[in-house]
């Protein structure tokens, strides 16, 4: 994903690969040359991050396992939003 993005925007680093946003985006694998697809991916990513934050609010993150569970909730929401995108 990052390589595709660099081809289109060689002098710009939009995504930090050490963040949840990048992890969610990488899971979706949108095509950077398709602007509409990137917009849908960003919307799906926002839904996933909101879901992860909601899970953290409900489930206290006390160890690696609970953090991973909250992340999995976010990934699932991201994927569902991506799978149900318009068009």
PDB file of N, CA and C in Angstrom:
ATOM      1  N   UNK A   1       0.828  -1.188   0.000  1.00  0.00           N
ATOM      2  CA  UNK A   1       0.000   0.000   0.000  1.00  0.00           C
ATOM      3  C   UNK A   1       0.872   1.250   0.000  1.00  0.00           C
ATOM      4  N   UNK A   2       1.871   1.259   0.869  1.00  0.00           N
ATOM      5  CA  UNK A   2       2.722   2.446   0.959  1.00  0.00           C
ATOM      6  C   UNK A   2       3.486   2.660  -0.350  1.00  0.00           C
ATOM      7  N   UNK A   3       3.919   1.566  -0.978  1.00  0.00           N
ATOM      8  CA  UNK A   3       4.649   1.682  -2.244  1.00  0.00           C
ATOM      9  C   UNK A   3       3.758   2.278  -3.331  1.00  0.00           C
ATOM     10  N   UNK A   4       2.492   1.841  -3.369  1.00  0.00           N
ATOM     11  CA  UNK A   4       1.554   2.392  -4.356  1.00  0.00           C
ATOM     12  C   UNK A   4       1.347   3.886  -4.120  1.00  0.00           C
ATOM     13  N   UNK A   5       1.243   4.253  -2.853  1.00  0.00           N
ATOM     14  CA  UNK A   5       1.038   5.663  -2.512  1.00  0.00           C
ATOM     15  C   UNK A   5       2.255   6.483  -2.915  1.00  0.00           C
ATOM     16  N   UNK A   6       3.446   5.952  -2.676  1.00  0.00           N
ATOM     17  CA  UNK A   6       4.680   6.666  -3.034  1.00  0.00           C
ATOM     18  C   UNK A   6       4.806   6.863  -4.540  1.00  0.00           C
ATOM     19  N   UNK A   7       4.266   5.913  -5.338  1.00  0.00           N
ATOM     20  CA  UNK A   7       4.308   6.070  -6.789  1.00  0.00           C
ATOM     21  C   UNK A   7       3.496   7.290  -7.216  1.00  0.00           C
ATOM     22  N   UNK A   8       2.350   7.471  -6.577  1.00  0.00           N
ATOM     23  CA  UNK A   8       1.500   8.595  -6.960  1.00  0.00           C
ATOM     24  C   UNK A   8       1.978   9.899  -6.331  1.00  0.00           C
ATOM     25  N   UNK A   9       2.447   9.828  -5.081  1.00  0.00           N
ATOM     26  CA  UNK A   9       2.902  11.015  -4.355  1.00  0.00           C
ATOM     27  C   UNK A   9       4.320  10.765  -3.838  1.00  0.00           C
ATOM     28  N   UNK A  10       5.325  10.856  -4.704  1.00  0.00           N
ATOM     29  CA  UNK A  10       6.686  10.459  -4.312  1.00  0.00           C
ATOM     30  C   UNK A  10       7.317  11.298  -3.201  1.00  0.00           C
ATOM     31  N   UNK A  11       6.908  12.538  -3.042  1.00  0.00           N
ATOM     32  CA  UNK A  11       7.543  13.406  -2.054  1.00  0.00           C
ATOM     33  C   UNK A  11       6.697  13.623  -0.807  1.00  0.00           C
ATOM     34  N   UNK A  12       5.667  12.799  -0.620  1.00  0.00           N
ATOM     35  CA  UNK A  12       4.746  12.999   0.492  1.00  0.00           C
ATOM     36  C   UNK A  12       4.566  11.711   1.265  1.00  0.00           C
ATOM     37  N   UNK A  13       4.555  11.806   2.565  1.00  0.00           N
ATOM     38  CA  UNK A  13       4.251  10.674   3.432  1.00  0.00           C
ATOM     39  C   UNK A  13       2.973  11.006   4.188  1.00  0.00           C
ATOM     40  N   UNK A  14       1.835  10.566   3.677  1.00  0.00           N
ATOM     41  CA  UNK A  14       0.558  10.910   4.290  1.00  0.00           C
ATOM     42  C   UNK A  14       0.278  10.018   5.491  1.00  0.00           C
ATOM     43  N   UNK A  15       0.658   8.748   5.425  1.00  0.00           N
ATOM     44  CA  UNK A  15       0.313   7.808   6.479  1.00  0.00           C
ATOM     45  C   UNK A  15       1.555   7.365   7.242  1.00  0.00           C
ATOM     46  N   UNK A  16       1.452   7.377   8.552  1.00  0.00           N
ATOM     47  CA  UNK A  16       2.507   6.868   9.417  1.00  0.00           C
ATOM     48  C   UNK A  16       2.234   5.388   9.626  1.00  0.00           C
ATOM     49  N   UNK A  17       3.129   4.531   9.179  1.00  0.00           N
ATOM     50  CA  UNK A  17       2.879   3.092   9.215  1.00  0.00           C
ATOM     51  C   UNK A  17       2.881   2.500  10.618  1.00  0.00           C
ATOM     52  N   UNK A  18       3.131   3.283  11.636  1.00  0.00           N
ATOM     53  CA  UNK A  18       3.108   2.784  13.007  1.00  0.00           C
ATOM     54  C   UNK A  18       1.819   3.136  13.742  1.00  0.00           C
ATOM     55  N   UNK A  19       0.786   3.536  13.028  1.00  0.00           N
ATOM     56  CA  UNK A  19      -0.458   3.954  13.674  1.00  0.00           C
ATOM     57  C   UNK A  19      -1.591   2.984  13.356  1.00  0.00           C
ATOM     58  N   UNK A  20      -2.653   3.054  14.150  1.00  0.00           N
ATOM     59  CA  UNK A  20      -3.838   2.241  13.884  1.00  0.00           C
ATOM     60  C   UNK A  20      -4.451   2.595  12.537  1.00  0.00           C
ATOM     61  N   UNK A  21      -4.416   3.874  12.191  1.00  0.00           N
ATOM     62  CA  UNK A  21      -4.982   4.294  10.920  1.00  0.00           C
ATOM     63  C   UNK A  21      -4.323   3.544   9.767  1.00  0.00           C
ATOM     64  N   UNK A  22      -3.016   3.459   9.797  1.00  0.00           N
ATOM     65  CA  UNK A  22      -2.290   2.765   8.737  1.00  0.00           C
ATOM     66  C   UNK A  22      -2.649   1.286   8.742  1.00  0.00           C
ATOM     67  N   UNK A  23      -2.732   0.697   9.911  1.00  0.00           N
ATOM     68  CA  UNK A  23      -3.066  -0.719  10.009  1.00  0.00           C
ATOM     69  C   UNK A  23      -4.443  -0.976   9.408  1.00  0.00           C
ATOM     70  N   UNK A  24      -5.410  -0.131   9.728  1.00  0.00           N
ATOM     71  CA  UNK A  24      -6.753  -0.298   9.177  1.00  0.00           C
ATOM     72  C   UNK A  24      -6.739  -0.083   7.668  1.00  0.00           C
ATOM     73  N   UNK A  25      -6.043   0.934   7.197  1.00  0.00           N
ATOM     74  CA  UNK A  25      -5.982   1.230   5.770  1.00  0.00           C
ATOM     75  C   UNK A  25      -5.294   0.101   5.017  1.00  0.00           C
ATOM     76  N   UNK A  26      -4.219  -0.404   5.575  1.00  0.00           N
ATOM     77  CA  UNK A  26      -3.472  -1.497   4.936  1.00  0.00           C
ATOM     78  C   UNK A  26      -4.355  -2.734   4.783  1.00  0.00           C
ATOM     79  N   UNK A  27      -5.226  -2.986   5.759  1.00  0.00           N
ATOM     80  CA  UNK A  27      -6.142  -4.129   5.708  1.00  0.00           C
ATOM     81  C   UNK A  27      -7.086  -4.017   4.512  1.00  0.00           C
ATOM     82  N   UNK A  28      -7.515  -2.804   4.191  1.00  0.00           N
ATOM     83  CA  UNK A  28      -8.471  -2.593   3.106  1.00  0.00           C
ATOM     84  C   UNK A  28      -7.824  -2.660   1.734  1.00  0.00           C
ATOM     85  N   UNK A  29      -6.580  -2.225   1.628  1.00  0.00           N
ATOM     86  CA  UNK A  29      -5.824  -2.204   0.386  1.00  0.00           C
ATOM     87  C   UNK A  29      -6.525  -1.430  -0.738  1.00  0.00           C
ATOM     88  N   UNK A  30      -6.925  -0.184  -0.498  1.00  0.00           N
ATOM     89  CA  UNK A  30      -7.516   0.604  -1.577  1.00  0.00           C
ATOM     90  C   UNK A  30      -6.443   0.998  -2.597  1.00  0.00           C
ATOM     91  N   UNK A  31      -6.869   1.352  -3.773  1.00  0.00           N
ATOM     92  CA  UNK A  31      -5.938   1.759  -4.821  1.00  0.00           C
ATOM     93  C   UNK A  31      -5.734   3.273  -4.750  1.00  0.00           C
ATOM     94  N   UNK A  32      -4.513   3.735  -4.449  1.00  0.00           N
ATOM     95  CA  UNK A  32      -4.272   5.179  -4.289  1.00  0.00           C
ATOM     96  C   UNK A  32      -4.603   6.002  -5.526  1.00  0.00           C
ATOM     97  N   UNK A  33      -4.546   5.408  -6.701  1.00  0.00           N
ATOM     98  CA  UNK A  33      -4.854   6.162  -7.913  1.00  0.00           C
ATOM     99  C   UNK A  33      -6.357   6.349  -8.105  1.00  0.00           C
ATOM    100  N   UNK A  34      -7.163   5.693  -7.270  1.00  0.00           N
ATOM    101  CA  UNK A  34      -8.614   5.820  -7.356  1.00  0.00           C
ATOM    102  C   UNK A  34      -9.084   6.694  -6.198  1.00  0.00           C
ATOM    103  N   UNK A  35      -9.316   7.970  -6.483  1.00  0.00           N
ATOM    104  CA  UNK A  35      -9.671   8.929  -5.434  1.00  0.00           C
ATOM    105  C   UNK A  35     -10.918   8.555  -4.667  1.00  0.00           C
ATOM    106  N   UNK A  36     -11.943   8.059  -5.385  1.00  0.00           N
ATOM    107  CA  UNK A  36     -13.191   7.689  -4.720  1.00  0.00           C
ATOM    108  C   UNK A  36     -12.944   6.527  -3.747  1.00  0.00           C
ATOM    109  N   UNK A  37     -12.139   5.585  -4.150  1.00  0.00           N
ATOM    110  CA  UNK A  37     -11.828   4.442  -3.293  1.00  0.00           C
ATOM    111  C   UNK A  37     -11.072   4.896  -2.044  1.00  0.00           C
ATOM    112  N   UNK A  38     -10.181   5.849  -2.196  1.00  0.00           N
ATOM    113  CA  UNK A  38      -9.439   6.359  -1.038  1.00  0.00           C
ATOM    114  C   UNK A  38     -10.368   7.090  -0.070  1.00  0.00           C
ATOM    115  N   UNK A  39     -11.338   7.829  -0.598  1.00  0.00           N
ATOM    116  CA  UNK A  39     -12.308   8.508   0.269  1.00  0.00           C
ATOM    117  C   UNK A  39     -13.117   7.477   1.043  1.00  0.00           C
ATOM    118  N   UNK A  40     -13.567   6.427   0.367  1.00  0.00           N
ATOM    119  CA  UNK A  40     -14.320   5.369   1.054  1.00  0.00           C
ATOM    120  C   UNK A  40     -13.449   4.694   2.113  1.00  0.00           C
ATOM    121  N   UNK A  41     -12.187   4.494   1.800  1.00  0.00           N
ATOM    122  CA  UNK A  41     -11.280   3.863   2.770  1.00  0.00           C
ATOM    123  C   UNK A  41     -11.102   4.750   4.000  1.00  0.00           C
ATOM    124  N   UNK A  42     -10.994   6.043   3.795  1.00  0.00           N
ATOM    125  CA  UNK A  42     -10.846   6.962   4.933  1.00  0.00           C
ATOM    126  C   UNK A  42     -12.102   6.972   5.800  1.00  0.00           C
ATOM    127  N   UNK A  43     -13.266   6.870   5.172  1.00  0.00           N
ATOM    128  CA  UNK A  43     -14.512   6.812   5.946  1.00  0.00           C
ATOM    129  C   UNK A  43     -14.573   5.509   6.744  1.00  0.00           C
ATOM    130  N   UNK A  44     -14.200   4.409   6.121  1.00  0.00           N
ATOM    131  CA  UNK A  44     -14.189   3.118   6.815  1.00  0.00           C
ATOM    132  C   UNK A  44     -13.198   3.153   7.976  1.00  0.00           C
ATOM    133  N   UNK A  45     -12.048   3.778   7.742  1.00  0.00           N
ATOM    134  CA  UNK A  45     -11.018   3.908   8.776  1.00  0.00           C
ATOM    135  C   UNK A  45     -11.540   4.713   9.960  1.00  0.00           C
ATOM    136  N   UNK A  46     -12.241   5.796   9.691  1.00  0.00           N
ATOM    137  CA  UNK A  46     -12.789   6.620  10.769  1.00  0.00           C
ATOM    138  C   UNK A  46     -13.809   5.828  11.583  1.00  0.00           C
ATOM    139  N   UNK A  47     -14.637   5.038  10.909  1.00  0.00           N
ATOM    140  CA  UNK A  47     -15.617   4.204  11.617  1.00  0.00           C
ATOM    141  C   UNK A  47     -14.900   3.181  12.503  1.00  0.00           C
ATOM    142  N   UNK A  48     -13.850   2.583  11.981  1.00  0.00           N
ATOM    143  CA  UNK A  48     -13.095   1.597  12.753  1.00  0.00           C
ATOM    144  C   UNK A  48     -12.417   2.200  13.966  1.00  0.00           C
ATOM    145  N   UNK A  49     -11.837   3.381  13.797  1.00  0.00           N
ATOM    146  CA  UNK A  49     -11.185   4.048  14.929  1.00  0.00           C
ATOM    147  C   UNK A  49     -12.205   4.428  15.996  1.00  0.00           C
ATOM    148  N   UNK A  50     -13.388   4.884  15.568  1.00  0.00           N
ATOM    149  CA  UNK A  50     -14.441   5.209  16.528  1.00  0.00           C
ATOM    150  C   UNK A  50     -14.886   3.956  17.273  1.00  0.00           C
ATOM    151  N   UNK A  51     -14.995   2.858  16.548  1.00  0.00           N
ATOM    152  CA  UNK A  51     -15.368   1.594  17.182  1.00  0.00           C
ATOM    153  C   UNK A  51     -14.330   1.116  18.174  1.00  0.00           C
ATOM    154  N   UNK A  52     -13.066   1.279  17.816  1.00  0.00           N
ATOM    155  CA  UNK A  52     -11.993   0.878  18.736  1.00  0.00           C
ATOM    156  C   UNK A  52     -12.043   1.735  20.001  1.00  0.00           C
ATOM    157  N   UNK A  53     -12.237   3.038  19.824  1.00  0.00           N
ATOM    158  CA  UNK A  53     -12.308   3.928  20.991  1.00  0.00           C
ATOM    159  C   UNK A  53     -13.511   3.601  21.873  1.00  0.00           C
ATOM    160  N   UNK A  54     -14.621   3.248  21.246  1.00  0.00           N
ATOM    161  CA  UNK A  54     -15.815   2.861  22.022  1.00  0.00           C
ATOM    162  C   UNK A  54     -15.545   1.576  22.788  1.00  0.00           C
ATOM    163  N   UNK A  55     -14.863   0.625  22.168  1.00  0.00           N
ATOM    164  CA  UNK A  55     -14.533  -0.629  22.851  1.00  0.00           C
ATOM    165  C   UNK A  55     -13.608  -0.361  24.034  1.00  0.00           C
ATOM    166  N   UNK A  56     -12.662   0.524  23.852  1.00  0.00           N
ATOM    167  CA  UNK A  56     -11.742   0.870  24.948  1.00  0.00           C
ATOM    168  C   UNK A  56     -12.513   1.532  26.089  1.00  0.00           C
ATOM    169  N   UNK A  57     -13.526   2.335  25.752  1.00  0.00           N
ATOM    170  CA  UNK A  57     -14.321   2.996  26.790  1.00  0.00           C
ATOM    171  C   UNK A  57     -15.116   1.982  27.610  1.00  0.00           C
ATOM    172  N   UNK A  58     -15.518   0.883  26.972  1.00  0.00           N
ATOM    173  CA  UNK A  58     -16.328  -0.124  27.643  1.00  0.00           C
ATOM    174  C   UNK A  58     -15.461  -1.187  28.323  1.00  0.00           C
ATOM    175  N   UNK A  59     -14.393  -1.582  27.643  1.00  0.00           N
ATOM    176  CA  UNK A  59     -13.499  -2.626  28.159  1.00  0.00           C
ATOM    177  C   UNK A  59     -12.215  -1.950  28.623  1.00  0.00           C
ATOM    178  N   UNK A  60     -11.943  -1.939  29.911  1.00  0.00           N
ATOM    179  CA  UNK A  60     -10.692  -1.311  30.364  1.00  0.00           C
ATOM    180  C   UNK A  60      -9.477  -2.038  29.769  1.00  0.00           C
ATOM    181  N   UNK A  61      -8.588  -1.282  29.170  1.00  0.00           N
ATOM    182  CA  UNK A  61      -7.389  -1.869  28.565  1.00  0.00           C
ATOM    183  C   UNK A  61      -6.348  -2.047  29.668  1.00  0.00           C
ATOM    184  N   UNK A  62      -6.264  -3.269  30.147  1.00  0.00           N
ATOM    185  CA  UNK A  62      -5.348  -3.548  31.257  1.00  0.00           C
ATOM    186  C   UNK A  62      -4.147  -4.382  30.839  1.00  0.00           C
ATOM    187  N   UNK A  63      -4.215  -4.995  29.664  1.00  0.00           N
ATOM    188  CA  UNK A  63      -3.083  -5.794  29.209  1.00  0.00           C
ATOM    189  C   UNK A  63      -3.096  -5.904  27.684  1.00  0.00           C
ATOM    190  N   UNK A  64      -2.142  -6.630  27.156  1.00  0.00           N
ATOM    191  CA  UNK A  64      -2.005  -6.760  25.703  1.00  0.00           C
ATOM    192  C   UNK A  64      -3.230  -7.441  25.101  1.00  0.00           C
ATOM    193  N   UNK A  65      -3.794  -8.415  25.797  1.00  0.00           N
ATOM    194  CA  UNK A  65      -4.945  -9.149  25.264  1.00  0.00           C
ATOM    195  C   UNK A  65      -6.167  -8.246  25.105  1.00  0.00           C
ATOM    196  N   UNK A  66      -6.444  -7.410  26.093  1.00  0.00           N
ATOM    197  CA  UNK A  66      -7.605  -6.524  25.966  1.00  0.00           C
ATOM    198  C   UNK A  66      -7.357  -5.436  24.929  1.00  0.00           C
ATOM    199  N   UNK A  67      -6.123  -4.976  24.819  1.00  0.00           N
ATOM    200  CA  UNK A  67      -5.790  -3.997  23.767  1.00  0.00           C
ATOM    201  C   UNK A  67      -5.992  -4.632  22.393  1.00  0.00           C
ATOM    202  N   UNK A  68      -5.560  -5.873  22.242  1.00  0.00           N
ATOM    203  CA  UNK A  68      -5.728  -6.578  20.967  1.00  0.00           C
ATOM    204  C   UNK A  68      -7.207  -6.793  20.658  1.00  0.00           C
ATOM    205  N   UNK A  69      -7.996  -7.102  21.675  1.00  0.00           N
ATOM    206  CA  UNK A  69      -9.432  -7.296  21.468  1.00  0.00           C
ATOM    207  C   UNK A  69     -10.093  -6.010  20.983  1.00  0.00           C
ATOM    208  N   UNK A  70      -9.731  -4.899  21.564  1.00  0.00           N
ATOM    209  CA  UNK A  70     -10.285  -3.603  21.147  1.00  0.00           C
ATOM    210  C   UNK A  70      -9.858  -3.273  19.720  1.00  0.00           C
ATOM    211  N   UNK A  71      -8.624  -3.593  19.390  1.00  0.00           N
ATOM    212  CA  UNK A  71      -8.127  -3.359  18.037  1.00  0.00           C
ATOM    213  C   UNK A  71      -8.903  -4.229  17.038  1.00  0.00           C
ATOM    214  N   UNK A  72      -9.157  -5.468  17.412  1.00  0.00           N
ATOM    215  CA  UNK A  72      -9.904  -6.378  16.550  1.00  0.00           C
ATOM    216  C   UNK A  72     -11.310  -5.848  16.289  1.00  0.00           C
ATOM    217  N   UNK A  73     -11.934  -5.263  17.294  1.00  0.00           N
ATOM    218  CA  UNK A  73     -13.248  -4.630  17.107  1.00  0.00           C
ATOM    219  C   UNK A  73     -13.140  -3.541  16.042  1.00  0.00           C
ATOM    220  N   UNK A  74     -12.116  -2.705  16.155  1.00  0.00           N
ATOM    221  CA  UNK A  74     -11.913  -1.634  15.177  1.00  0.00           C
ATOM    222  C   UNK A  74     -11.687  -2.152  13.773  1.00  0.00           C
ATOM    223  N   UNK A  75     -10.879  -3.200  13.653  1.00  0.00           N
ATOM    224  CA  UNK A  75     -10.610  -3.789  12.333  1.00  0.00           C
ATOM    225  C   UNK A  75     -11.901  -4.355  11.745  1.00  0.00           C
ATOM    226  N   UNK A  76     -12.707  -5.009  12.569  1.00  0.00           N
ATOM    227  CA  UNK A  76     -13.968  -5.570  12.083  1.00  0.00           C
ATOM    228  C   UNK A  76     -14.927  -4.499  11.590  1.00  0.00           C
ATOM    229  N   UNK A  77     -15.019  -3.413  12.327  1.00  0.00           N
ATOM    230  CA  UNK A  77     -15.892  -2.308  11.917  1.00  0.00           C
ATOM    231  C   UNK A  77     -15.372  -1.667  10.636  1.00  0.00           C
ATOM    232  N   UNK A  78     -14.070  -1.497  10.552  1.00  0.00           N
ATOM    233  CA  UNK A  78     -13.462  -0.935   9.339  1.00  0.00           C
ATOM    234  C   UNK A  78     -13.790  -1.799   8.138  1.00  0.00           C
ATOM    235  N   UNK A  79     -13.610  -3.105   8.290  1.00  0.00           N
ATOM    236  CA  UNK A  79     -13.865  -4.031   7.181  1.00  0.00           C
ATOM    237  C   UNK A  79     -15.335  -4.026   6.790  1.00  0.00           C
ATOM    238  N   UNK A  80     -16.234  -3.993   7.777  1.00  0.00           N
ATOM    239  CA  UNK A  80     -17.673  -3.964   7.480  1.00  0.00           C
ATOM    240  C   UNK A  80     -18.047  -2.683   6.731  1.00  0.00           C
ATOM    241  N   UNK A  81     -17.500  -1.557   7.158  1.00  0.00           N
ATOM    242  CA  UNK A  81     -17.781  -0.289   6.480  1.00  0.00           C
ATOM    243  C   UNK A  81     -17.253  -0.325   5.048  1.00  0.00           C
ATOM    244  N   UNK A  82     -16.080  -0.914   4.862  1.00  0.00           N
ATOM    245  CA  UNK A  82     -15.487  -1.025   3.520  1.00  0.00           C
ATOM    246  C   UNK A  82     -16.330  -1.943   2.634  1.00  0.00           C
ATOM    247  N   UNK A  83     -16.744  -3.080   3.184  1.00  0.00           N
ATOM    248  CA  UNK A  83     -17.531  -4.038   2.403  1.00  0.00           C
ATOM    249  C   UNK A  83     -18.892  -3.485   2.009  1.00  0.00           C
ATOM    250  N   UNK A  84     -19.425  -2.559   2.791  1.00  0.00           N
ATOM    251  CA  UNK A  84     -20.749  -2.002   2.532  1.00  0.00           C
ATOM    252  C   UNK A  84     -20.705  -0.588   1.952  1.00  0.00           C
ATOM    253  N   UNK A  85     -19.559  -0.202   1.391  1.00  0.00           N
ATOM    254  CA  UNK A  85     -19.434   1.136   0.798  1.00  0.00           C
ATOM    255  C   UNK A  85     -20.336   1.258  -0.427  1.00  0.00           C
ATOM    256  N   UNK A  86     -20.780   2.462  -0.732  1.00  0.00           N
ATOM    257  CA  UNK A  86     -21.638   2.640  -1.903  1.00  0.00           C
ATOM    258  C   UNK A  86     -20.883   2.382  -3.207  1.00  0.00           C
ATOM    259  N   UNK A  87     -21.600   1.956  -4.185  1.00  0.00           N
ATOM    260  CA  UNK A  87     -21.030   1.791  -5.511  1.00  0.00           C
ATOM    261  C   UNK A  87     -20.467   0.478  -5.716  1.00  0.00           C
TER     262      UNK A  87
END
